[in-house]
Amino acid sequence: MANSILVGDTLAHIPVSIVYLGIGILALAEAVHKVRQMDLFSGYAAAAHATLAILLAAIHQFGSH
């Protein structure tokens, strides 16, 4: 499986697109938290990070076939 990450010594493979999606969701949560604290610059930066990570997940998921 070239499009997966080996976790530890187990045979549990996590698809790379799921990893990107998880990073995007965490960055989106950080963006919401920062904007609610009125730290707008950091919030916008985290929102951009979330957008890029989710976009990478979609490209990796649908562009690899």
N, C-alpha and C. Protein backbone atom coordinates (compact mmCIF):
# COMPACT_ATOMS: atom_id res chain seq x y z
N MET A 1 0.84 -1.18 0.00
CA MET A 1 0.00 0.00 0.00
C MET A 1 0.88 1.24 0.00
N ALA A 2 1.06 1.82 -1.14
CA ALA A 2 1.92 2.99 -1.26
C ALA A 2 1.25 4.25 -0.73
N ASN A 3 -0.07 4.26 -0.65
CA ASN A 3 -0.79 5.45 -0.21
C ASN A 3 -1.27 5.33 1.23
N SER A 4 -0.47 4.71 2.09
CA SER A 4 -0.85 4.58 3.48
C SER A 4 0.37 4.75 4.37
N ILE A 5 0.10 4.95 5.63
CA ILE A 5 1.16 5.14 6.61
C ILE A 5 1.12 3.96 7.56
N LEU A 6 2.27 3.34 7.79
CA LEU A 6 2.35 2.22 8.72
C LEU A 6 2.44 2.78 10.12
N VAL A 7 1.54 2.34 10.99
CA VAL A 7 1.47 2.84 12.35
C VAL A 7 2.20 1.89 13.27
N GLY A 8 3.32 2.34 13.82
CA GLY A 8 4.08 1.52 14.75
C GLY A 8 4.54 0.23 14.12
N ASP A 9 4.52 -0.84 14.90
CA ASP A 9 4.92 -2.14 14.40
C ASP A 9 3.73 -2.98 13.98
N THR A 10 2.56 -2.39 14.00
CA THR A 10 1.36 -3.14 13.63
C THR A 10 1.17 -3.09 12.12
N LEU A 11 0.18 -3.78 11.66
CA LEU A 11 -0.14 -3.77 10.24
C LEU A 11 -1.30 -2.84 9.95
N ALA A 12 -1.59 -1.93 10.88
CA ALA A 12 -2.69 -0.99 10.69
C ALA A 12 -2.23 0.11 9.75
N HIS A 13 -2.78 0.14 8.59
CA HIS A 13 -2.44 1.16 7.60
C HIS A 13 -3.49 2.26 7.63
N ILE A 14 -3.04 3.48 7.73
CA ILE A 14 -3.94 4.63 7.70
C ILE A 14 -3.75 5.32 6.35
N PRO A 15 -4.81 5.47 5.58
CA PRO A 15 -4.67 6.18 4.30
C PRO A 15 -4.19 7.61 4.51
N VAL A 16 -3.32 8.07 3.64
CA VAL A 16 -2.75 9.40 3.77
C VAL A 16 -3.83 10.47 3.68
N SER A 17 -4.85 10.23 2.87
CA SER A 17 -5.92 11.23 2.76
C SER A 17 -6.66 11.41 4.08
N ILE A 18 -6.78 10.34 4.87
CA ILE A 18 -7.42 10.44 6.18
C ILE A 18 -6.55 11.26 7.12
N VAL A 19 -5.24 11.10 7.02
CA VAL A 19 -4.32 11.89 7.84
C VAL A 19 -4.45 13.37 7.50
N TYR A 20 -4.45 13.69 6.21
CA TYR A 20 -4.62 15.08 5.79
C TYR A 20 -5.96 15.64 6.27
N LEU A 21 -7.00 14.85 6.18
CA LEU A 21 -8.32 15.30 6.61
C LEU A 21 -8.34 15.56 8.11
N GLY A 22 -7.69 14.70 8.88
CA GLY A 22 -7.61 14.90 10.32
C GLY A 22 -6.86 16.17 10.68
N ILE A 23 -5.76 16.43 9.97
CA ILE A 23 -5.00 17.66 10.19
C ILE A 23 -5.87 18.87 9.86
N GLY A 24 -6.63 18.78 8.78
CA GLY A 24 -7.51 19.88 8.39
C GLY A 24 -8.59 20.16 9.42
N ILE A 25 -9.17 19.10 9.97
CA ILE A 25 -10.22 19.28 10.98
C ILE A 25 -9.64 19.90 12.24
N LEU A 26 -8.46 19.45 12.66
CA LEU A 26 -7.82 20.04 13.84
C LEU A 26 -7.47 21.50 13.61
N ALA A 27 -6.98 21.83 12.42
CA ALA A 27 -6.64 23.22 12.12
C ALA A 27 -7.90 24.08 12.05
N LEU A 28 -9.00 23.51 11.57
CA LEU A 28 -10.26 24.25 11.54
C LEU A 28 -10.76 24.54 12.95
N ALA A 29 -10.63 23.57 13.84
CA ALA A 29 -11.01 23.79 15.24
C ALA A 29 -10.13 24.86 15.87
N GLU A 30 -8.84 24.85 15.55
CA GLU A 30 -7.94 25.88 16.06
C GLU A 30 -8.32 27.25 15.52
N ALA A 31 -8.71 27.32 14.26
CA ALA A 31 -9.11 28.59 13.65
C ALA A 31 -10.33 29.16 14.35
N VAL A 32 -11.32 28.33 14.61
CA VAL A 32 -12.52 28.79 15.31
C VAL A 32 -12.17 29.28 16.71
N HIS A 33 -11.31 28.55 17.40
CA HIS A 33 -10.89 28.94 18.74
C HIS A 33 -10.18 30.29 18.73
N LYS A 34 -9.27 30.48 17.79
CA LYS A 34 -8.51 31.73 17.71
C LYS A 34 -9.41 32.92 17.37
N VAL A 35 -10.34 32.72 16.44
CA VAL A 35 -11.23 33.82 16.06
C VAL A 35 -12.16 34.18 17.22
N ARG A 36 -12.61 33.18 17.97
CA ARG A 36 -13.47 33.48 19.13
C ARG A 36 -12.70 34.22 20.22
N GLN A 37 -11.38 34.05 20.27
CA GLN A 37 -10.55 34.79 21.22
C GLN A 37 -10.13 36.14 20.66
N MET A 38 -10.62 36.48 19.48
CA MET A 38 -10.31 37.74 18.79
C MET A 38 -8.85 37.83 18.36
N ASP A 39 -8.18 36.72 18.22
CA ASP A 39 -6.83 36.69 17.65
C ASP A 39 -7.00 36.41 16.16
N LEU A 40 -7.38 37.45 15.43
CA LEU A 40 -7.84 37.26 14.06
C LEU A 40 -6.73 36.81 13.11
N PHE A 41 -5.53 37.35 13.26
CA PHE A 41 -4.45 36.97 12.35
C PHE A 41 -4.14 35.48 12.48
N SER A 42 -4.00 34.99 13.71
CA SER A 42 -3.74 33.56 13.91
C SER A 42 -4.92 32.72 13.46
N GLY A 43 -6.12 33.23 13.66
CA GLY A 43 -7.31 32.50 13.23
C GLY A 43 -7.38 32.36 11.72
N TYR A 44 -7.06 33.45 11.02
CA TYR A 44 -7.07 33.38 9.56
C TYR A 44 -5.95 32.47 9.04
N ALA A 45 -4.81 32.50 9.70
CA ALA A 45 -3.71 31.61 9.29
C ALA A 45 -4.10 30.15 9.51
N ALA A 46 -4.75 29.85 10.63
CA ALA A 46 -5.19 28.48 10.89
C ALA A 46 -6.28 28.06 9.90
N ALA A 47 -7.14 28.99 9.53
CA ALA A 47 -8.18 28.67 8.54
C ALA A 47 -7.56 28.37 7.18
N ALA A 48 -6.51 29.11 6.82
CA ALA A 48 -5.81 28.83 5.56
C ALA A 48 -5.14 27.46 5.62
N HIS A 49 -4.56 27.13 6.77
CA HIS A 49 -3.93 25.82 6.96
C HIS A 49 -4.97 24.71 6.83
N ALA A 50 -6.13 24.92 7.44
CA ALA A 50 -7.20 23.92 7.36
C ALA A 50 -7.66 23.73 5.92
N THR A 51 -7.82 24.84 5.20
CA THR A 51 -8.25 24.76 3.81
C THR A 51 -7.26 23.98 2.96
N LEU A 52 -5.98 24.27 3.14
CA LEU A 52 -4.96 23.56 2.36
C LEU A 52 -4.92 22.07 2.71
N ALA A 53 -5.03 21.73 3.99
CA ALA A 53 -4.98 20.32 4.38
C ALA A 53 -6.18 19.56 3.84
N ILE A 54 -7.36 20.15 3.90
CA ILE A 54 -8.56 19.48 3.37
C ILE A 54 -8.48 19.37 1.85
N LEU A 55 -7.95 20.39 1.20
CA LEU A 55 -7.75 20.34 -0.25
C LEU A 55 -6.76 19.24 -0.62
N LEU A 56 -5.68 19.11 0.14
CA LEU A 56 -4.71 18.03 -0.11
C LEU A 56 -5.36 16.66 0.08
N ALA A 57 -6.22 16.54 1.08
CA ALA A 57 -6.92 15.27 1.30
C ALA A 57 -7.78 14.92 0.10
N ALA A 58 -8.51 15.91 -0.42
CA ALA A 58 -9.38 15.66 -1.57
C ALA A 58 -8.56 15.32 -2.81
N ILE A 59 -7.48 16.05 -3.04
CA ILE A 59 -6.64 15.77 -4.20
C ILE A 59 -6.03 14.39 -4.09
N HIS A 60 -5.57 14.04 -2.90
CA HIS A 60 -4.94 12.73 -2.73
C HIS A 60 -5.95 11.61 -2.86
N GLN A 61 -7.16 11.83 -2.35
CA GLN A 61 -8.19 10.79 -2.41
C GLN A 61 -8.71 10.58 -3.83
N PHE A 62 -9.03 11.67 -4.51
CA PHE A 62 -9.69 11.54 -5.81
C PHE A 62 -8.72 11.65 -6.98
N GLY A 63 -7.53 12.15 -6.74
CA GLY A 63 -6.56 12.29 -7.81
C GLY A 63 -5.63 11.10 -7.96
N SER A 64 -5.71 10.14 -7.04
CA SER A 64 -4.79 9.02 -7.09
C SER A 64 -5.35 7.82 -7.84
N HIS A 65 -6.53 7.96 -8.41
CA HIS A 65 -7.14 6.83 -9.13
C HIS A 65 -6.95 6.98 -10.61
